[in-house]
Amino acid sequence: MDFGLASFGTALGTQTSISDVVGDYTEYPEQVLAYGYRNVLRAPGNIGLTDLALEAADKALVGAGIEADKLDLIVLAVTDITEYLYWDAAASLAHRLGASAAETILMGQGCVGGTASLDTVAGKFATHPDYVCALVIAANRCCEAYWNRMTTQPIVFSDGAVATVALRGHPRLRWRVTETQTVGRYADFYRLDSGGTAAPFGAQTAREGPLSARDSWGVLEFFDYKDTLFEKFVTELDVRTKEIVERACMRIGIQVHELARALLVSDNADNMKSMAERIGIPLSRTNMEIAMDYGHLGAADQFLSLSEYVTRGELQHGEIVALVSRGRGMHWGCSLLEV
């Protein structure tokens, strides 16, 4: 399919130095500071995920000069829990935008959602020849009642949303291909055991179970607390990341070293270095510095970095940029764009 990204819009939480607030999240601040992040973005308590998504979407539409009622498709990719249960956040967002004619899709593939959403747009454009304009929003709003943004994983989770307008036939930032891969045996990582139909809130089973997601120590239980098994999994993370990038590049007939940039999931500094080394691309051609400035925005990581490079004018016509992600599921994804 022939479509490109015409504009971006962002809505970010307040940027705060991690060293100023890390003591609010852990008794072991040195562990968090060792992740390498400089800042965290935190939204006020009265601002929800769809509030951030709405602000980012409005900015993207203004940038593209498009009215919301002209949208054919809205794709909302989320990482954390949205504001309500039994509720379609994408449909609500469309209503608040005034996108009365748009089909909506809510994607919940964790941190891979933003990268994979471009494949969803390609599929919808392919099966609906009348679709011309799509709005894609990737958003993360950390639910701190269930998730410690600095210790649940060895990552600092930030709040924010990034939106982009995808137009059929647009000549810049053209989508070329998306590759994804899923390994379901890791699906129970960070599972919240209360609140679903298996253990509804208020039921006896819920009271006996945890009211927050598993932390990193809980994940080790999956590997019987054996270092060798966990280290094998860590290696698998990078190996599959390399594979998904190679598969995407192969589909358009290029080699990995020809990528101008690889915009990686904004993991901690050590993991981003490991990913870059495994993929075979210099760290200087990744989004490492942006990641350390903003923290991990879940599904929005790659779009945030891409919008930053576009704003700075650092991407050249004809270059190929890879959006590379992996996340809860486990999922791996890579989308290639031609500048």
C-alpha atoms as a PDB file:
ATOM      1  CA  MET A   1       0.000   0.000   0.000  1.00  0.00           C
ATOM      2  CA  ASP A   2       1.128   3.523  -0.785  1.00  0.00           C
ATOM      3  CA  PHE A   3       0.657   5.849   2.174  1.00  0.00           C
ATOM      4  CA  GLY A   4       2.820   8.218   4.164  1.00  0.00           C
ATOM      5  CA  LEU A   5       2.799  10.098   7.454  1.00  0.00           C
ATOM      6  CA  ALA A   6       1.855  13.735   6.908  1.00  0.00           C
ATOM      7  CA  SER A   7       2.060  15.233  10.404  1.00  0.00           C
ATOM      8  CA  PHE A   8       2.605  14.543  14.092  1.00  0.00           C
ATOM      9  CA  GLY A   9       1.143  15.775  17.347  1.00  0.00           C
ATOM     10  CA  THR A  10       2.357  15.126  20.886  1.00  0.00           C
ATOM     11  CA  ALA A  11       0.897  15.480  24.379  1.00  0.00           C
ATOM     12  CA  LEU A  12       3.383  14.743  27.124  1.00  0.00           C
ATOM     13  CA  GLY A  13       3.363  14.678  30.893  1.00  0.00           C
ATOM     14  CA  THR A  14       5.433  17.146  32.879  1.00  0.00           C
ATOM     15  CA  GLN A  15       9.130  16.446  32.436  1.00  0.00           C
ATOM     16  CA  THR A  16      10.852  15.943  35.785  1.00  0.00           C
ATOM     17  CA  SER A  17      14.382  14.923  36.671  1.00  0.00           C
ATOM     18  CA  ILE A  18      14.336  11.342  37.915  1.00  0.00           C
ATOM     19  CA  SER A  19      16.825  12.140  40.640  1.00  0.00           C
ATOM     20  CA  ASP A  20      14.282  14.581  42.143  1.00  0.00           C
ATOM     21  CA  VAL A  21      11.442  12.036  42.463  1.00  0.00           C
ATOM     22  CA  VAL A  22      12.977   8.560  42.500  1.00  0.00           C
ATOM     23  CA  GLY A  23      12.685   8.430  46.300  1.00  0.00           C
ATOM     24  CA  ASP A  24       8.887   8.490  45.938  1.00  0.00           C
ATOM     25  CA  TYR A  25       9.002   5.132  44.121  1.00  0.00           C
ATOM     26  CA  THR A  26      11.708   3.024  45.719  1.00  0.00           C
ATOM     27  CA  GLU A  27      13.972   2.606  48.721  1.00  0.00           C
ATOM     28  CA  TYR A  28      16.799   1.750  46.340  1.00  0.00           C
ATOM     29  CA  PRO A  29      17.180   4.833  44.111  1.00  0.00           C
ATOM     30  CA  GLU A  30      20.612   3.808  42.873  1.00  0.00           C
ATOM     31  CA  GLN A  31      19.039   0.876  41.023  1.00  0.00           C
ATOM     32  CA  VAL A  32      16.661   3.137  39.100  1.00  0.00           C
ATOM     33  CA  LEU A  33      19.303   5.752  38.391  1.00  0.00           C
ATOM     34  CA  ALA A  34      21.488   2.996  36.927  1.00  0.00           C
ATOM     35  CA  TYR A  35      18.882   2.491  34.168  1.00  0.00           C
ATOM     36  CA  GLY A  36      20.342   5.602  32.540  1.00  0.00           C
ATOM     37  CA  TYR A  37      17.196   7.704  32.131  1.00  0.00           C
ATOM     38  CA  ARG A  38      17.528  11.383  32.944  1.00  0.00           C
ATOM     39  CA  ASN A  39      13.868  12.363  33.119  1.00  0.00           C
ATOM     40  CA  VAL A  40      10.364  11.009  33.568  1.00  0.00           C
ATOM     41  CA  LEU A  41       7.118  12.440  32.140  1.00  0.00           C
ATOM     42  CA  ARG A  42       4.194  12.396  34.574  1.00  0.00           C
ATOM     43  CA  ALA A  43       0.653  13.540  33.803  1.00  0.00           C
ATOM     44  CA  PRO A  44      -1.482  15.174  36.505  1.00  0.00           C
ATOM     45  CA  GLY A  45      -3.858  12.848  38.322  1.00  0.00           C
ATOM     46  CA  ASN A  46      -6.930  14.233  36.549  1.00  0.00           C
ATOM     47  CA  ILE A  47      -5.519  13.591  33.066  1.00  0.00           C
ATOM     48  CA  GLY A  48      -6.373  10.223  31.565  1.00  0.00           C
ATOM     49  CA  LEU A  49      -4.987   8.297  28.618  1.00  0.00           C
ATOM     50  CA  THR A  50      -7.668   9.492  26.223  1.00  0.00           C
ATOM     51  CA  ASP A  51      -7.124  13.098  27.345  1.00  0.00           C
ATOM     52  CA  LEU A  52      -3.509  12.810  26.219  1.00  0.00           C
ATOM     53  CA  ALA A  53      -4.576  11.030  23.029  1.00  0.00           C
ATOM     54  CA  LEU A  54      -7.137  13.731  22.234  1.00  0.00           C
ATOM     55  CA  GLU A  55      -4.605  16.549  22.637  1.00  0.00           C
ATOM     56  CA  ALA A  56      -2.048  14.774  20.443  1.00  0.00           C
ATOM     57  CA  ALA A  57      -4.692  13.956  17.828  1.00  0.00           C
ATOM     58  CA  ASP A  58      -5.913  17.557  17.619  1.00  0.00           C
ATOM     59  CA  LYS A  59      -2.355  18.768  17.011  1.00  0.00           C
ATOM     60  CA  ALA A  60      -1.707  16.171  14.320  1.00  0.00           C
ATOM     61  CA  LEU A  61      -4.924  17.048  12.484  1.00  0.00           C
ATOM     62  CA  VAL A  62      -4.097  20.764  12.577  1.00  0.00           C
ATOM     63  CA  GLY A  63      -0.624  19.979  11.248  1.00  0.00           C
ATOM     64  CA  ALA A  64      -2.089  18.050   8.329  1.00  0.00           C
ATOM     65  CA  GLY A  65      -4.829  20.625   7.688  1.00  0.00           C
ATOM     66  CA  ILE A  66      -7.547  17.979   8.014  1.00  0.00           C
ATOM     67  CA  GLU A  67     -10.866  18.181   9.832  1.00  0.00           C
ATOM     68  CA  ALA A  68     -11.766  15.276  12.119  1.00  0.00           C
ATOM     69  CA  ASP A  69     -14.984  14.546  10.250  1.00  0.00           C
ATOM     70  CA  LYS A  70     -12.912  13.719   7.152  1.00  0.00           C
ATOM     71  CA  LEU A  71     -11.135  10.819   8.857  1.00  0.00           C
ATOM     72  CA  ASP A  72     -11.844   7.335   7.527  1.00  0.00           C
ATOM     73  CA  LEU A  73     -10.001   5.405  10.230  1.00  0.00           C
ATOM     74  CA  ILE A  74      -8.723   5.920  13.773  1.00  0.00           C
ATOM     75  CA  VAL A  75      -6.304   3.459  15.364  1.00  0.00           C
ATOM     76  CA  LEU A  76      -5.542   3.883  19.065  1.00  0.00           C
ATOM     77  CA  ALA A  77      -2.649   1.796  20.432  1.00  0.00           C
ATOM     78  CA  VAL A  78      -2.444   1.619  24.226  1.00  0.00           C
ATOM     79  CA  THR A  79       0.051   0.071  26.604  1.00  0.00           C
ATOM     80  CA  ASP A  80      -1.490   0.380  30.052  1.00  0.00           C
ATOM     81  CA  ILE A  81      -5.093   0.103  31.243  1.00  0.00           C
ATOM     82  CA  THR A  82      -7.431   2.791  29.895  1.00  0.00           C
ATOM     83  CA  GLU A  83      -9.708   4.847  32.122  1.00  0.00           C
ATOM     84  CA  TYR A  84     -12.587   2.363  32.360  1.00  0.00           C
ATOM     85  CA  LEU A  85     -13.485  -1.299  32.020  1.00  0.00           C
ATOM     86  CA  TYR A  86     -16.296  -2.346  29.605  1.00  0.00           C
ATOM     87  CA  TRP A  87     -15.348   0.697  27.530  1.00  0.00           C
ATOM     88  CA  ASP A  88     -13.952   1.304  24.074  1.00  0.00           C
ATOM     89  CA  ALA A  89     -11.387   4.070  24.415  1.00  0.00           C
ATOM     90  CA  ALA A  90     -10.942   4.388  20.636  1.00  0.00           C
ATOM     91  CA  ALA A  91     -14.668   4.939  20.040  1.00  0.00           C
ATOM     92  CA  SER A  92     -14.811   7.486  22.858  1.00  0.00           C
ATOM     93  CA  LEU A  93     -11.823   9.305  21.411  1.00  0.00           C
ATOM     94  CA  ALA A  94     -13.446   9.463  17.973  1.00  0.00           C
ATOM     95  CA  HIS A  95     -16.572  10.976  19.497  1.00  0.00           C
ATOM     96  CA  ARG A  96     -14.605  13.594  21.401  1.00  0.00           C
ATOM     97  CA  LEU A  97     -12.668  14.458  18.246  1.00  0.00           C
ATOM     98  CA  GLY A  98     -15.835  14.834  16.210  1.00  0.00           C
ATOM     99  CA  ALA A  99     -14.771  12.071  13.831  1.00  0.00           C
ATOM    100  CA  SER A 100     -18.298  10.961  13.077  1.00  0.00           C
ATOM    101  CA  ALA A 101     -17.465   9.005   9.912  1.00  0.00           C
ATOM    102  CA  ALA A 102     -14.377   7.135  11.095  1.00  0.00           C
ATOM    103  CA  GLU A 103     -13.998   3.437  11.768  1.00  0.00           C
ATOM    104  CA  THR A 104     -12.134   2.896  15.036  1.00  0.00           C
ATOM    105  CA  ILE A 105      -9.722   0.196  16.188  1.00  0.00           C
ATOM    106  CA  LEU A 106      -8.323  -0.258  19.692  1.00  0.00           C
ATOM    107  CA  MET A 107      -4.981  -2.087  19.819  1.00  0.00           C
ATOM    108  CA  GLY A 108      -3.716  -3.599  23.070  1.00  0.00           C
ATOM    109  CA  GLN A 109      -0.481  -5.301  22.038  1.00  0.00           C
ATOM    110  CA  GLY A 110       1.525  -3.433  24.643  1.00  0.00           C
ATOM    111  CA  CYS A 111       4.675  -1.659  23.541  1.00  0.00           C
ATOM    112  CA  VAL A 112       4.485  -3.092  20.006  1.00  0.00           C
ATOM    113  CA  GLY A 113       1.120  -1.443  19.332  1.00  0.00           C
ATOM    114  CA  GLY A 114       2.419   1.762  17.781  1.00  0.00           C
ATOM    115  CA  THR A 115       4.772  -0.007  15.390  1.00  0.00           C
ATOM    116  CA  ALA A 116       2.181  -2.635  14.454  1.00  0.00           C
ATOM    117  CA  SER A 117      -0.570  -0.050  13.963  1.00  0.00           C
ATOM    118  CA  LEU A 118       0.944   0.962  10.636  1.00  0.00           C
ATOM    119  CA  ASP A 119       0.330  -2.560   9.362  1.00  0.00           C
ATOM    120  CA  THR A 120      -3.281  -2.210  10.473  1.00  0.00           C
ATOM    121  CA  VAL A 121      -3.583   0.998   8.458  1.00  0.00           C
ATOM    122  CA  ALA A 122      -2.052  -0.737   5.434  1.00  0.00           C
ATOM    123  CA  GLY A 123      -4.552  -3.582   5.720  1.00  0.00           C
ATOM    124  CA  LYS A 124      -7.542  -1.277   6.033  1.00  0.00           C
ATOM    125  CA  PHE A 125      -6.377   0.836   3.094  1.00  0.00           C
ATOM    126  CA  ALA A 126      -5.973  -2.358   1.051  1.00  0.00           C
ATOM    127  CA  THR A 127      -9.473  -3.667   1.782  1.00  0.00           C
ATOM    128  CA  HIS A 128     -11.217  -0.271   1.697  1.00  0.00           C
ATOM    129  CA  PRO A 129     -10.195   1.564  -1.499  1.00  0.00           C
ATOM    130  CA  ASP A 130     -12.297   4.548  -0.420  1.00  0.00           C
ATOM    131  CA  TYR A 131     -10.236   5.082   2.748  1.00  0.00           C
ATOM    132  CA  VAL A 132      -7.883   8.014   2.223  1.00  0.00           C
ATOM    133  CA  CYS A 133      -7.058   9.381   5.660  1.00  0.00           C
ATOM    134  CA  ALA A 134      -6.209   7.579   8.909  1.00  0.00           C
ATOM    135  CA  LEU A 135      -5.267   8.881  12.322  1.00  0.00           C
ATOM    136  CA  VAL A 136      -2.940   6.745  14.429  1.00  0.00           C
ATOM    137  CA  ILE A 137      -2.400   7.500  18.119  1.00  0.00           C
ATOM    138  CA  ALA A 138      -0.069   5.643  20.457  1.00  0.00           C
ATOM    139  CA  ALA A 139      -0.537   6.480  24.129  1.00  0.00           C
ATOM    140  CA  ASN A 140       0.725   5.471  27.535  1.00  0.00           C
ATOM    141  CA  ARG A 141      -0.679   6.579  30.895  1.00  0.00           C
ATOM    142  CA  CYS A 142       0.830   4.692  33.806  1.00  0.00           C
ATOM    143  CA  CYS A 143      -1.830   3.435  36.232  1.00  0.00           C
ATOM    144  CA  GLU A 144       0.133   3.850  39.440  1.00  0.00           C
ATOM    145  CA  ALA A 145      -2.468   2.019  41.509  1.00  0.00           C
ATOM    146  CA  TYR A 146      -1.348  -1.181  39.770  1.00  0.00           C
ATOM    147  CA  TRP A 147       2.059  -0.372  38.332  1.00  0.00           C
ATOM    148  CA  ASN A 148       5.137   1.228  39.918  1.00  0.00           C
ATOM    149  CA  ARG A 149       6.467   3.250  37.012  1.00  0.00           C
ATOM    150  CA  MET A 150      10.078   2.872  38.169  1.00  0.00           C
ATOM    151  CA  THR A 151      10.348  -0.619  39.654  1.00  0.00           C
ATOM    152  CA  THR A 152       7.777  -2.968  38.094  1.00  0.00           C
ATOM    153  CA  GLN A 153      10.249  -3.437  35.245  1.00  0.00           C
ATOM    154  CA  PRO A 154      13.857  -2.199  34.873  1.00  0.00           C
ATOM    155  CA  ILE A 155      12.378   0.685  32.878  1.00  0.00           C
ATOM    156  CA  VAL A 156      11.058   4.144  33.767  1.00  0.00           C
ATOM    157  CA  PHE A 157       7.516   4.499  32.407  1.00  0.00           C
ATOM    158  CA  SER A 158       6.388   7.940  31.241  1.00  0.00           C
ATOM    159  CA  ASP A 159       2.998   9.405  30.345  1.00  0.00           C
ATOM    160  CA  GLY A 160       2.254  10.758  26.906  1.00  0.00           C
ATOM    161  CA  ALA A 161       0.676  10.302  23.508  1.00  0.00           C
ATOM    162  CA  VAL A 162       1.873  10.782  19.935  1.00  0.00           C
ATOM    163  CA  ALA A 163      -0.484  11.012  16.967  1.00  0.00           C
ATOM    164  CA  THR A 164       0.255  10.893  13.256  1.00  0.00           C
ATOM    165  CA  VAL A 165      -1.936  11.383  10.185  1.00  0.00           C
ATOM    166  CA  ALA A 166      -1.501   8.720   7.489  1.00  0.00           C
ATOM    167  CA  LEU A 167      -2.599   9.759   3.995  1.00  0.00           C
ATOM    168  CA  ARG A 168      -2.988   7.489   0.983  1.00  0.00           C
ATOM    169  CA  GLY A 169      -0.431   8.514  -1.651  1.00  0.00           C
ATOM    170  CA  HIS A 170       1.481  10.906   0.617  1.00  0.00           C
ATOM    171  CA  PRO A 171       5.094  11.087  -0.666  1.00  0.00           C
ATOM    172  CA  ARG A 172       6.991  11.465   2.627  1.00  0.00           C
ATOM    173  CA  LEU A 173       7.608   8.970   5.424  1.00  0.00           C
ATOM    174  CA  ARG A 174       6.115   6.303   3.185  1.00  0.00           C
ATOM    175  CA  TRP A 175       5.236   3.000   4.821  1.00  0.00           C
ATOM    176  CA  ARG A 176       7.150   0.187   3.159  1.00  0.00           C
ATOM    177  CA  VAL A 177       6.592  -2.905   5.318  1.00  0.00           C
ATOM    178  CA  THR A 178       5.784  -4.192   8.805  1.00  0.00           C
ATOM    179  CA  GLU A 179       6.897  -7.491  10.315  1.00  0.00           C
ATOM    180  CA  THR A 180       5.589  -8.837  13.636  1.00  0.00           C
ATOM    181  CA  GLN A 181       6.147 -11.955  15.682  1.00  0.00           C
ATOM    182  CA  THR A 182       4.404 -13.308  18.783  1.00  0.00           C
ATOM    183  CA  VAL A 183       5.499 -15.896  21.358  1.00  0.00           C
ATOM    184  CA  GLY A 184       2.538 -16.609  23.601  1.00  0.00           C
ATOM    185  CA  ARG A 185       4.317 -18.651  26.246  1.00  0.00           C
ATOM    186  CA  TYR A 186       5.360 -15.377  27.883  1.00  0.00           C
ATOM    187  CA  ALA A 187       1.833 -13.951  27.973  1.00  0.00           C
ATOM    188  CA  ASP A 188       1.497 -14.215  31.764  1.00  0.00           C
ATOM    189  CA  PHE A 189       4.344 -11.800  32.471  1.00  0.00           C
ATOM    190  CA  TYR A 190       3.058  -8.873  34.571  1.00  0.00           C
ATOM    191  CA  ARG A 191      -0.460 -10.294  34.558  1.00  0.00           C
ATOM    192  CA  LEU A 192      -2.833  -8.650  37.043  1.00  0.00           C
ATOM    193  CA  ASP A 193      -4.627 -11.573  38.685  1.00  0.00           C
ATOM    194  CA  SER A 194      -7.563  -9.551  40.012  1.00  0.00           C
ATOM    195  CA  GLY A 195     -10.261  -7.685  38.138  1.00  0.00           C
ATOM    196  CA  GLY A 196     -10.865 -10.042  35.218  1.00  0.00           C
ATOM    197  CA  THR A 197     -13.623 -12.616  34.859  1.00  0.00           C
ATOM    198  CA  ALA A 198     -11.396 -15.237  36.507  1.00  0.00           C
ATOM    199  CA  ALA A 199     -11.221 -13.169  39.701  1.00  0.00           C
ATOM    200  CA  PRO A 200     -13.524 -10.121  39.634  1.00  0.00           C
ATOM    201  CA  PHE A 201     -12.869  -7.257  41.980  1.00  0.00           C
ATOM    202  CA  GLY A 202     -14.778  -7.847  45.211  1.00  0.00           C
ATOM    203  CA  ALA A 203     -14.780 -11.628  44.903  1.00  0.00           C
ATOM    204  CA  GLN A 204     -13.036 -13.757  47.504  1.00  0.00           C
ATOM    205  CA  THR A 205     -10.494 -14.913  44.931  1.00  0.00           C
ATOM    206  CA  ALA A 206      -9.658 -11.321  44.158  1.00  0.00           C
ATOM    207  CA  ARG A 207      -9.083 -10.468  47.811  1.00  0.00           C
ATOM    208  CA  GLU A 208      -6.677 -13.374  48.096  1.00  0.00           C
ATOM    209  CA  GLY A 209      -4.748 -12.368  44.985  1.00  0.00           C
ATOM    210  CA  PRO A 210      -2.531  -9.359  44.219  1.00  0.00           C
ATOM    211  CA  LEU A 211      -4.076  -6.008  43.388  1.00  0.00           C
ATOM    212  CA  SER A 212      -1.068  -4.922  41.373  1.00  0.00           C
ATOM    213  CA  ALA A 213       0.819  -6.338  38.444  1.00  0.00           C
ATOM    214  CA  ARG A 214       3.664  -8.776  38.962  1.00  0.00           C
ATOM    215  CA  ASP A 215       7.013  -7.085  39.345  1.00  0.00           C
ATOM    216  CA  SER A 216      10.376  -8.162  37.966  1.00  0.00           C
ATOM    217  CA  TRP A 217      10.836 -10.627  40.822  1.00  0.00           C
ATOM    218  CA  GLY A 218       7.493 -12.191  39.978  1.00  0.00           C
ATOM    219  CA  VAL A 219       8.647 -12.672  36.399  1.00  0.00           C
ATOM    220  CA  LEU A 220      11.605 -14.673  37.681  1.00  0.00           C
ATOM    221  CA  GLU A 221       9.095 -17.132  39.124  1.00  0.00           C
ATOM    222  CA  PHE A 222       8.264 -18.082  35.531  1.00  0.00           C
ATOM    223  CA  PHE A 223      11.864 -19.290  35.190  1.00  0.00           C
ATOM    224  CA  ASP A 224      11.874 -21.104  38.565  1.00  0.00           C
ATOM    225  CA  TYR A 225      14.281 -18.407  39.793  1.00  0.00           C
ATOM    226  CA  LYS A 226      17.050 -19.979  37.711  1.00  0.00           C
ATOM    227  CA  ASP A 227      19.576 -17.468  36.392  1.00  0.00           C
ATOM    228  CA  THR A 228      20.485 -19.599  33.391  1.00  0.00           C
ATOM    229  CA  LEU A 229      16.879 -19.792  32.171  1.00  0.00           C
ATOM    230  CA  PHE A 230      16.337 -16.072  32.627  1.00  0.00           C
ATOM    231  CA  GLU A 231      19.590 -15.240  30.833  1.00  0.00           C
ATOM    232  CA  LYS A 232      18.459 -17.442  27.952  1.00  0.00           C
ATOM    233  CA  PHE A 233      15.241 -15.428  27.746  1.00  0.00           C
ATOM    234  CA  VAL A 234      17.167 -12.130  27.757  1.00  0.00           C
ATOM    235  CA  THR A 235      19.253 -13.389  24.863  1.00  0.00           C
ATOM    236  CA  GLU A 236      16.089 -14.472  23.050  1.00  0.00           C
ATOM    237  CA  LEU A 237      14.738 -10.924  23.341  1.00  0.00           C
ATOM    238  CA  ASP A 238      17.651  -9.566  21.327  1.00  0.00           C
ATOM    239  CA  VAL A 239      17.848 -12.488  18.910  1.00  0.00           C
ATOM    240  CA  ARG A 240      14.197 -12.136  17.937  1.00  0.00           C
ATOM    241  CA  THR A 241      14.602  -8.361  17.654  1.00  0.00           C
ATOM    242  CA  LYS A 242      17.429  -8.900  15.180  1.00  0.00           C
ATOM    243  CA  GLU A 243      15.350 -11.451  13.258  1.00  0.00           C
ATOM    244  CA  ILE A 244      12.338  -9.171  12.920  1.00  0.00           C
ATOM    245  CA  VAL A 245      14.483  -6.291  11.613  1.00  0.00           C
ATOM    246  CA  GLU A 246      16.259  -8.567   9.132  1.00  0.00           C
ATOM    247  CA  ARG A 247      12.944  -9.952   7.886  1.00  0.00           C
ATOM    248  CA  ALA A 248      11.561  -6.464   7.316  1.00  0.00           C
ATOM    249  CA  CYS A 249      14.686  -5.337   5.477  1.00  0.00           C
ATOM    250  CA  MET A 250      14.690  -8.478   3.335  1.00  0.00           C
ATOM    251  CA  ARG A 251      11.150  -7.783   2.183  1.00  0.00           C
ATOM    252  CA  ILE A 252      12.164  -4.476   0.601  1.00  0.00           C
ATOM    253  CA  GLY A 253      15.552  -5.713  -0.630  1.00  0.00           C
ATOM    254  CA  ILE A 254      17.971  -3.908   1.681  1.00  0.00           C
ATOM    255  CA  GLN A 255      20.514  -4.887   4.322  1.00  0.00           C
ATOM    256  CA  VAL A 256      20.271  -3.832   7.970  1.00  0.00           C
ATOM    257  CA  HIS A 257      23.405  -1.691   7.693  1.00  0.00           C
ATOM    258  CA  GLU A 258      21.620   0.432   5.057  1.00  0.00           C
ATOM    259  CA  LEU A 259      19.108   1.719   7.624  1.00  0.00           C
ATOM    260  CA  ALA A 260      19.595   5.406   8.328  1.00  0.00           C
ATOM    261  CA  ARG A 261      18.173   4.980  11.821  1.00  0.00           C
ATOM    262  CA  ALA A 262      16.687   2.290  14.024  1.00  0.00           C
ATOM    263  CA  LEU A 263      14.225   3.783  16.480  1.00  0.00           C
ATOM    264  CA  LEU A 264      14.153   1.232  19.276  1.00  0.00           C
ATOM    265  CA  VAL A 265      11.831   0.645  22.195  1.00  0.00           C
ATOM    266  CA  SER A 266      13.012   3.071  24.900  1.00  0.00           C
ATOM    267  CA  ASP A 267      14.399   0.426  27.219  1.00  0.00           C
ATOM    268  CA  ASN A 268      17.093   1.096  29.809  1.00  0.00           C
ATOM    269  CA  ALA A 269      20.512   2.154  28.521  1.00  0.00           C
ATOM    270  CA  ASP A 270      22.153  -1.254  28.845  1.00  0.00           C
ATOM    271  CA  ASN A 271      19.325  -3.008  27.005  1.00  0.00           C
ATOM    272  CA  MET A 272      19.278  -0.436  24.201  1.00  0.00           C
ATOM    273  CA  LYS A 273      23.017  -0.880  23.743  1.00  0.00           C
ATOM    274  CA  SER A 274      22.549  -4.644  23.661  1.00  0.00           C
ATOM    275  CA  MET A 275      19.752  -4.370  21.082  1.00  0.00           C
ATOM    276  CA  ALA A 276      21.788  -2.103  18.818  1.00  0.00           C
ATOM    277  CA  GLU A 277      24.800  -4.392  19.012  1.00  0.00           C
ATOM    278  CA  ARG A 278      22.727  -7.475  18.237  1.00  0.00           C
ATOM    279  CA  ILE A 279      20.933  -5.792  15.311  1.00  0.00           C
ATOM    280  CA  GLY A 280      24.274  -4.582  13.974  1.00  0.00           C
ATOM    281  CA  ILE A 281      23.665  -0.844  13.884  1.00  0.00           C
ATOM    282  CA  PRO A 282      25.749   1.866  15.627  1.00  0.00           C
ATOM    283  CA  LEU A 283      24.226   3.266  18.790  1.00  0.00           C
ATOM    284  CA  SER A 284      24.573   6.735  17.268  1.00  0.00           C
ATOM    285  CA  ARG A 285      21.960   5.752  14.667  1.00  0.00           C
ATOM    286  CA  THR A 286      19.399   4.821  17.312  1.00  0.00           C
ATOM    287  CA  ASN A 287      17.122   6.986  19.456  1.00  0.00           C
ATOM    288  CA  MET A 288      19.137   6.318  22.623  1.00  0.00           C
ATOM    289  CA  GLU A 289      19.505   9.965  23.685  1.00  0.00           C
ATOM    290  CA  ILE A 290      15.820  10.767  23.120  1.00  0.00           C
ATOM    291  CA  ALA A 291      14.858   7.693  25.154  1.00  0.00           C
ATOM    292  CA  MET A 292      17.019   8.750  28.078  1.00  0.00           C
ATOM    293  CA  ASP A 293      15.480  12.247  28.019  1.00  0.00           C
ATOM    294  CA  TYR A 294      11.833  11.160  27.935  1.00  0.00           C
ATOM    295  CA  GLY A 295      11.641   7.698  29.493  1.00  0.00           C
ATOM    296  CA  HIS A 296       9.602   4.806  28.128  1.00  0.00           C
ATOM    297  CA  LEU A 297       6.286   5.817  26.541  1.00  0.00           C
ATOM    298  CA  GLY A 298       5.145   2.295  25.770  1.00  0.00           C
ATOM    299  CA  ALA A 299       3.587   2.053  22.315  1.00  0.00           C
ATOM    300  CA  ALA A 300       4.494   5.690  21.592  1.00  0.00           C
ATOM    301  CA  ASP A 301       8.304   5.382  21.839  1.00  0.00           C
ATOM    302  CA  GLN A 302       9.043   5.122  18.130  1.00  0.00           C
ATOM    303  CA  PHE A 303       6.554   7.791  17.040  1.00  0.00           C
ATOM    304  CA  LEU A 304       7.934  10.227  19.617  1.00  0.00           C
ATOM    305  CA  SER A 305      11.498   9.739  18.396  1.00  0.00           C
ATOM    306  CA  LEU A 306      10.380   9.942  14.760  1.00  0.00           C
ATOM    307  CA  SER A 307       8.512  13.191  15.377  1.00  0.00           C
ATOM    308  CA  GLU A 308      11.580  14.629  17.117  1.00  0.00           C
ATOM    309  CA  TYR A 309      13.854  13.828  14.170  1.00  0.00           C
ATOM    310  CA  VAL A 310      11.323  15.239  11.701  1.00  0.00           C
ATOM    311  CA  THR A 311      11.038  18.474  13.705  1.00  0.00           C
ATOM    312  CA  ARG A 312      14.828  18.805  13.840  1.00  0.00           C
ATOM    313  CA  GLY A 313      15.156  18.171  10.105  1.00  0.00           C
ATOM    314  CA  GLU A 314      17.606  15.312  10.708  1.00  0.00           C
ATOM    315  CA  LEU A 315      16.108  12.835   8.229  1.00  0.00           C
ATOM    316  CA  GLN A 316      17.031  12.975   4.544  1.00  0.00           C
ATOM    317  CA  HIS A 317      14.819  12.208   1.570  1.00  0.00           C
ATOM    318  CA  GLY A 318      15.101   8.566   0.506  1.00  0.00           C
ATOM    319  CA  GLU A 319      16.511   7.272   3.786  1.00  0.00           C
ATOM    320  CA  ILE A 320      14.966   4.167   5.355  1.00  0.00           C
ATOM    321  CA  VAL A 321      14.064   4.376   9.039  1.00  0.00           C
ATOM    322  CA  ALA A 322      13.147   1.341  11.133  1.00  0.00           C
ATOM    323  CA  LEU A 323      10.643   1.506  13.984  1.00  0.00           C
ATOM    324  CA  VAL A 324      11.640  -1.416  16.202  1.00  0.00           C
ATOM    325  CA  SER A 325       9.724  -2.616  19.228  1.00  0.00           C
ATOM    326  CA  ARG A 326       9.095  -5.517  21.535  1.00  0.00           C
ATOM    327  CA  GLY A 327       6.754  -5.866  24.455  1.00  0.00           C
ATOM    328  CA  ARG A 328       4.334  -7.698  26.662  1.00  0.00           C
ATOM    329  CA  GLY A 329       2.771 -10.646  24.929  1.00  0.00           C
ATOM    330  CA  MET A 330       5.572 -11.288  23.957  1.00  0.00           C
ATOM    331  CA  HIS A 331       5.508  -9.419  20.678  1.00  0.00           C
ATOM    332  CA  TRP A 332       8.272  -8.163  18.398  1.00  0.00           C
ATOM    333  CA  GLY A 333       7.670  -5.692  15.585  1.00  0.00           C
ATOM    334  CA  CYS A 334       9.465  -3.662  12.936  1.00  0.00           C
ATOM    335  CA  SER A 335       8.022  -1.140  10.484  1.00  0.00           C
ATOM    336  CA  LEU A 336      10.139   0.463   7.763  1.00  0.00           C
ATOM    337  CA  LEU A 337       9.464   3.989   6.489  1.00  0.00           C
ATOM    338  CA  GLU A 338      11.051   5.760   3.526  1.00  0.00           C
ATOM    339  CA  VAL A 339      11.711   9.422   4.290  1.00  0.00           C
END
